[in-house]
Amino acid sequence: MTLCSYISLLRMEDHLRKHDYYYQGAKLAIKIYLRMIDRPEDMNENSVRSMEGMSENEIKKMKKKLKKLKEQEEENKKKEKEVKEEGLQRGPQLDPEALLKIDNPLAEAAKFCHNLHTYGMNKGTGYALCAEVYRRKDKVLLTLKCLNEGLKIDKVHPLLHVQKVKFLRNCKC
């Protein structure tokens, strides 16, 4: 490897987080982490809230469907193991249940926010989401920085306006 190709590799790594695909994925991850904080009952498939207003027969049917889905998942896992043993692999597989067992979703969302506002973006929605995360972490200066940078891009963005109101209402300055 030559020095020029190594430097170009480092420059490419610097621009990966500015790409639109990274922005879309980070935005979605932040929204999911915030939803995990706001409504944790949505992340549990056997929640009591989903069974409210159902008759006993409907609850039995739902439990049977869940049992069938679990059996299908087990069969799929067995098939994947067989495929891995044969040497055919489909790429990295994520376990959604393991991702839901995060202790501090706000800290995970803050990691994405750090990358988004550090490397810059040209969309107000991202800055509004970052401002929401930093507001919940009580990071006043980072919240204000995200709001100011977002307002430079789009002065009339509705999510930025909502974040400004929340910031001014909760400001301890």
C-alpha atoms as a PDB file:
ATOM      1  CA  MET A   1       0.000   0.000   0.000  1.00  0.00           C
ATOM      2  CA  THR A   2       1.339   3.405  -0.884  1.00  0.00           C
ATOM      3  CA  LEU A   3       1.103   6.540   1.180  1.00  0.00           C
ATOM      4  CA  CYS A   4      -1.237   8.232  -1.313  1.00  0.00           C
ATOM      5  CA  SER A   5      -3.736   5.376  -1.238  1.00  0.00           C
ATOM      6  CA  TYR A   6      -3.606   5.296   2.566  1.00  0.00           C
ATOM      7  CA  ILE A   7      -4.351   9.024   2.742  1.00  0.00           C
ATOM      8  CA  SER A   8      -7.230   8.651   0.308  1.00  0.00           C
ATOM      9  CA  LEU A   9      -8.594   5.840   2.493  1.00  0.00           C
ATOM     10  CA  LEU A  10      -8.472   8.119   5.543  1.00  0.00           C
ATOM     11  CA  ARG A  11     -10.241  10.902   3.635  1.00  0.00           C
ATOM     12  CA  MET A  12     -12.904   8.468   2.506  1.00  0.00           C
ATOM     13  CA  GLU A  13     -13.498   7.445   6.137  1.00  0.00           C
ATOM     14  CA  ASP A  14     -13.936  11.110   7.054  1.00  0.00           C
ATOM     15  CA  HIS A  15     -16.676  11.490   4.434  1.00  0.00           C
ATOM     16  CA  LEU A  16     -18.593   8.303   5.231  1.00  0.00           C
ATOM     17  CA  ARG A  17     -20.552   9.948   8.016  1.00  0.00           C
ATOM     18  CA  LYS A  18     -21.515  12.839   5.774  1.00  0.00           C
ATOM     19  CA  HIS A  19     -23.222  10.494   3.341  1.00  0.00           C
ATOM     20  CA  ASP A  20     -27.013  10.519   3.044  1.00  0.00           C
ATOM     21  CA  TYR A  21     -27.331   6.805   3.793  1.00  0.00           C
ATOM     22  CA  TYR A  22     -25.572   7.242   7.122  1.00  0.00           C
ATOM     23  CA  TYR A  23     -27.830  10.223   7.882  1.00  0.00           C
ATOM     24  CA  GLN A  24     -30.983   8.197   7.180  1.00  0.00           C
ATOM     25  CA  GLY A  25     -29.801   5.262   9.310  1.00  0.00           C
ATOM     26  CA  ALA A  26     -28.697   7.476  12.195  1.00  0.00           C
ATOM     27  CA  LYS A  27     -31.968   9.402  12.123  1.00  0.00           C
ATOM     28  CA  LEU A  28     -33.941   6.170  12.294  1.00  0.00           C
ATOM     29  CA  ALA A  29     -31.774   4.811  15.124  1.00  0.00           C
ATOM     30  CA  ILE A  30     -32.229   8.012  17.148  1.00  0.00           C
ATOM     31  CA  LYS A  31     -36.000   7.861  16.679  1.00  0.00           C
ATOM     32  CA  ILE A  32     -36.063   4.223  17.827  1.00  0.00           C
ATOM     33  CA  TYR A  33     -33.956   4.952  20.909  1.00  0.00           C
ATOM     34  CA  LEU A  34     -36.173   7.901  21.849  1.00  0.00           C
ATOM     35  CA  ARG A  35     -39.254   5.729  21.416  1.00  0.00           C
ATOM     36  CA  MET A  36     -37.676   3.091  23.664  1.00  0.00           C
ATOM     37  CA  ILE A  37     -37.451   5.770  26.360  1.00  0.00           C
ATOM     38  CA  ASP A  38     -40.882   7.314  25.808  1.00  0.00           C
ATOM     39  CA  ARG A  39     -42.921   4.144  25.329  1.00  0.00           C
ATOM     40  CA  PRO A  40     -41.111   1.041  26.573  1.00  0.00           C
ATOM     41  CA  GLU A  41     -44.321  -0.985  26.444  1.00  0.00           C
ATOM     42  CA  ASP A  42     -44.227  -0.804  22.630  1.00  0.00           C
ATOM     43  CA  MET A  43     -41.005  -2.796  22.607  1.00  0.00           C
ATOM     44  CA  ASN A  44     -42.543  -5.791  24.413  1.00  0.00           C
ATOM     45  CA  GLU A  45     -44.704  -8.030  22.232  1.00  0.00           C
ATOM     46  CA  ASN A  46     -46.527  -9.544  25.213  1.00  0.00           C
ATOM     47  CA  SER A  47     -47.456  -6.224  26.771  1.00  0.00           C
ATOM     48  CA  VAL A  48     -50.562  -5.881  28.865  1.00  0.00           C
ATOM     49  CA  ARG A  49     -51.635  -2.864  26.840  1.00  0.00           C
ATOM     50  CA  SER A  50     -51.961  -4.940  23.657  1.00  0.00           C
ATOM     51  CA  MET A  51     -54.303  -7.353  25.430  1.00  0.00           C
ATOM     52  CA  GLU A  52     -56.689  -4.698  26.779  1.00  0.00           C
ATOM     53  CA  GLY A  53     -60.204  -4.917  25.427  1.00  0.00           C
ATOM     54  CA  MET A  54     -59.711  -8.412  24.007  1.00  0.00           C
ATOM     55  CA  SER A  55     -61.881 -11.367  24.800  1.00  0.00           C
ATOM     56  CA  GLU A  56     -60.410 -14.596  26.122  1.00  0.00           C
ATOM     57  CA  ASN A  57     -60.733 -16.267  22.725  1.00  0.00           C
ATOM     58  CA  GLU A  58     -58.843 -13.436  21.009  1.00  0.00           C
ATOM     59  CA  ILE A  59     -56.061 -13.645  23.604  1.00  0.00           C
ATOM     60  CA  LYS A  60     -55.785 -17.420  23.042  1.00  0.00           C
ATOM     61  CA  LYS A  61     -55.600 -16.883  19.260  1.00  0.00           C
ATOM     62  CA  MET A  62     -52.914 -14.253  19.676  1.00  0.00           C
ATOM     63  CA  LYS A  63     -50.857 -16.546  21.931  1.00  0.00           C
ATOM     64  CA  LYS A  64     -51.141 -19.352  19.356  1.00  0.00           C
ATOM     65  CA  LYS A  65     -49.926 -16.990  16.622  1.00  0.00           C
ATOM     66  CA  LEU A  66     -46.986 -15.904  18.776  1.00  0.00           C
ATOM     67  CA  LYS A  67     -46.127 -19.535  19.457  1.00  0.00           C
ATOM     68  CA  LYS A  68     -46.192 -20.321  15.710  1.00  0.00           C
ATOM     69  CA  LEU A  69     -43.981 -17.324  14.984  1.00  0.00           C
ATOM     70  CA  LYS A  70     -41.444 -18.472  17.574  1.00  0.00           C
ATOM     71  CA  GLU A  71     -41.411 -21.958  16.075  1.00  0.00           C
ATOM     72  CA  GLN A  72     -40.831 -20.481  12.598  1.00  0.00           C
ATOM     73  CA  GLU A  73     -37.976 -18.371  13.946  1.00  0.00           C
ATOM     74  CA  GLU A  74     -36.380 -21.454  15.489  1.00  0.00           C
ATOM     75  CA  GLU A  75     -36.680 -23.302  12.167  1.00  0.00           C
ATOM     76  CA  ASN A  76     -35.112 -20.361  10.357  1.00  0.00           C
ATOM     77  CA  LYS A  77     -32.221 -20.333  12.836  1.00  0.00           C
ATOM     78  CA  LYS A  78     -31.656 -24.038  12.253  1.00  0.00           C
ATOM     79  CA  LYS A  79     -31.619 -23.462   8.489  1.00  0.00           C
ATOM     80  CA  GLU A  80     -29.150 -20.596   8.882  1.00  0.00           C
ATOM     81  CA  LYS A  81     -26.858 -22.825  10.941  1.00  0.00           C
ATOM     82  CA  GLU A  82     -26.994 -25.457   8.213  1.00  0.00           C
ATOM     83  CA  VAL A  83     -26.172 -22.851   5.582  1.00  0.00           C
ATOM     84  CA  LYS A  84     -23.250 -21.574   7.664  1.00  0.00           C
ATOM     85  CA  GLU A  85     -21.930 -25.107   8.005  1.00  0.00           C
ATOM     86  CA  GLU A  86     -22.052 -25.488   4.232  1.00  0.00           C
ATOM     87  CA  GLY A  87     -20.025 -22.309   3.846  1.00  0.00           C
ATOM     88  CA  LEU A  88     -22.741 -20.139   2.314  1.00  0.00           C
ATOM     89  CA  GLN A  89     -23.265 -17.016   4.359  1.00  0.00           C
ATOM     90  CA  ARG A  90     -25.686 -14.158   3.688  1.00  0.00           C
ATOM     91  CA  GLY A  91     -23.795 -11.443   5.504  1.00  0.00           C
ATOM     92  CA  PRO A  92     -24.005 -10.073   9.040  1.00  0.00           C
ATOM     93  CA  GLN A  93     -27.207 -10.896  10.878  1.00  0.00           C
ATOM     94  CA  LEU A  94     -28.517  -8.694  13.683  1.00  0.00           C
ATOM     95  CA  ASP A  95     -30.448  -9.996  16.651  1.00  0.00           C
ATOM     96  CA  PRO A  96     -33.283  -7.509  17.293  1.00  0.00           C
ATOM     97  CA  GLU A  97     -33.976  -8.824  20.795  1.00  0.00           C
ATOM     98  CA  ALA A  98     -30.378  -8.201  21.802  1.00  0.00           C
ATOM     99  CA  LEU A  99     -30.608  -4.658  20.456  1.00  0.00           C
ATOM    100  CA  LEU A 100     -33.709  -4.010  22.583  1.00  0.00           C
ATOM    101  CA  LYS A 101     -31.900  -5.007  25.791  1.00  0.00           C
ATOM    102  CA  ILE A 102     -29.828  -1.828  25.931  1.00  0.00           C
ATOM    103  CA  ASP A 103     -29.375  -0.374  29.405  1.00  0.00           C
ATOM    104  CA  ASN A 104     -29.129   3.287  28.389  1.00  0.00           C
ATOM    105  CA  PRO A 105     -30.767   4.076  25.029  1.00  0.00           C
ATOM    106  CA  LEU A 106     -30.167   7.801  25.492  1.00  0.00           C
ATOM    107  CA  ALA A 107     -26.407   7.264  25.526  1.00  0.00           C
ATOM    108  CA  GLU A 108     -26.628   5.166  22.357  1.00  0.00           C
ATOM    109  CA  ALA A 109     -28.659   7.895  20.656  1.00  0.00           C
ATOM    110  CA  ALA A 110     -26.089  10.468  21.762  1.00  0.00           C
ATOM    111  CA  LYS A 111     -23.367   8.537  19.896  1.00  0.00           C
ATOM    112  CA  PHE A 112     -25.266   8.959  16.643  1.00  0.00           C
ATOM    113  CA  CYS A 113     -25.981  12.613  17.439  1.00  0.00           C
ATOM    114  CA  HIS A 114     -22.316  13.296  18.052  1.00  0.00           C
ATOM    115  CA  ASN A 115     -21.412  11.992  14.604  1.00  0.00           C
ATOM    116  CA  LEU A 116     -24.248  13.864  12.919  1.00  0.00           C
ATOM    117  CA  HIS A 117     -23.528  17.289  14.321  1.00  0.00           C
ATOM    118  CA  THR A 118     -19.739  16.903  14.340  1.00  0.00           C
ATOM    119  CA  TYR A 119     -19.465  16.044  10.655  1.00  0.00           C
ATOM    120  CA  GLY A 120     -22.309  18.319   9.657  1.00  0.00           C
ATOM    121  CA  MET A 121     -25.490  17.713   7.739  1.00  0.00           C
ATOM    122  CA  ASN A 122     -27.709  19.810   5.569  1.00  0.00           C
ATOM    123  CA  LYS A 123     -31.099  18.836   7.003  1.00  0.00           C
ATOM    124  CA  GLY A 124     -32.997  20.452   9.844  1.00  0.00           C
ATOM    125  CA  THR A 125     -34.640  17.225  11.025  1.00  0.00           C
ATOM    126  CA  GLY A 126     -31.306  15.781  12.100  1.00  0.00           C
ATOM    127  CA  TYR A 127     -30.430  18.861  14.114  1.00  0.00           C
ATOM    128  CA  ALA A 128     -33.877  18.793  15.739  1.00  0.00           C
ATOM    129  CA  LEU A 129     -33.417  15.157  16.775  1.00  0.00           C
ATOM    130  CA  CYS A 130     -29.935  15.891  18.117  1.00  0.00           C
ATOM    131  CA  ALA A 131     -31.290  18.858  20.069  1.00  0.00           C
ATOM    132  CA  GLU A 132     -33.947  16.586  21.604  1.00  0.00           C
ATOM    133  CA  VAL A 133     -31.351  14.026  22.686  1.00  0.00           C
ATOM    134  CA  TYR A 134     -29.018  16.645  24.150  1.00  0.00           C
ATOM    135  CA  ARG A 135     -31.932  18.372  25.907  1.00  0.00           C
ATOM    136  CA  ARG A 136     -32.837  15.087  27.592  1.00  0.00           C
ATOM    137  CA  LYS A 137     -29.208  14.642  28.666  1.00  0.00           C
ATOM    138  CA  ASP A 138     -29.204  18.213  30.091  1.00  0.00           C
ATOM    139  CA  LYS A 139     -26.429  19.338  27.742  1.00  0.00           C
ATOM    140  CA  VAL A 140     -27.476  22.954  27.281  1.00  0.00           C
ATOM    141  CA  LEU A 141     -24.606  24.127  25.085  1.00  0.00           C
ATOM    142  CA  LEU A 142     -24.845  21.189  22.686  1.00  0.00           C
ATOM    143  CA  THR A 143     -28.614  21.667  22.450  1.00  0.00           C
ATOM    144  CA  LEU A 144     -28.146  25.343  21.648  1.00  0.00           C
ATOM    145  CA  LYS A 145     -25.436  24.540  19.102  1.00  0.00           C
ATOM    146  CA  CYS A 146     -27.708  22.065  17.305  1.00  0.00           C
ATOM    147  CA  LEU A 147     -30.587  24.536  17.293  1.00  0.00           C
ATOM    148  CA  ASN A 148     -28.420  27.342  15.907  1.00  0.00           C
ATOM    149  CA  GLU A 149     -26.920  25.178  13.166  1.00  0.00           C
ATOM    150  CA  GLY A 150     -30.358  23.865  12.247  1.00  0.00           C
ATOM    151  CA  LEU A 151     -31.780  27.374  12.034  1.00  0.00           C
ATOM    152  CA  LYS A 152     -28.968  28.380   9.668  1.00  0.00           C
ATOM    153  CA  ILE A 153     -30.184  25.677   7.285  1.00  0.00           C
ATOM    154  CA  ASP A 154     -33.956  26.096   7.618  1.00  0.00           C
ATOM    155  CA  LYS A 155     -35.451  28.928   9.665  1.00  0.00           C
ATOM    156  CA  VAL A 156     -39.045  27.708   9.462  1.00  0.00           C
ATOM    157  CA  HIS A 157     -38.591  23.986  10.075  1.00  0.00           C
ATOM    158  CA  PRO A 158     -41.460  22.833  12.355  1.00  0.00           C
ATOM    159  CA  LEU A 159     -39.412  20.339  14.409  1.00  0.00           C
ATOM    160  CA  LEU A 160     -36.782  22.973  15.094  1.00  0.00           C
ATOM    161  CA  HIS A 161     -39.517  25.333  16.268  1.00  0.00           C
ATOM    162  CA  VAL A 162     -40.813  22.675  18.678  1.00  0.00           C
ATOM    163  CA  GLN A 163     -37.289  22.118  19.997  1.00  0.00           C
ATOM    164  CA  LYS A 164     -36.795  25.878  20.474  1.00  0.00           C
ATOM    165  CA  VAL A 165     -39.964  26.048  22.560  1.00  0.00           C
ATOM    166  CA  LYS A 166     -38.899  23.045  24.664  1.00  0.00           C
ATOM    167  CA  PHE A 167     -35.448  24.535  25.121  1.00  0.00           C
ATOM    168  CA  LEU A 168     -36.780  27.917  26.252  1.00  0.00           C
ATOM    169  CA  ARG A 169     -39.338  26.315  28.571  1.00  0.00           C
ATOM    170  CA  ASN A 170     -36.761  24.085  30.276  1.00  0.00           C
ATOM    171  CA  CYS A 171     -33.835  26.485  30.162  1.00  0.00           C
ATOM    172  CA  LYS A 172     -32.250  27.006  33.584  1.00  0.00           C
ATOM    173  CA  CYS A 173     -30.275  30.034  32.458  1.00  0.00           C
END
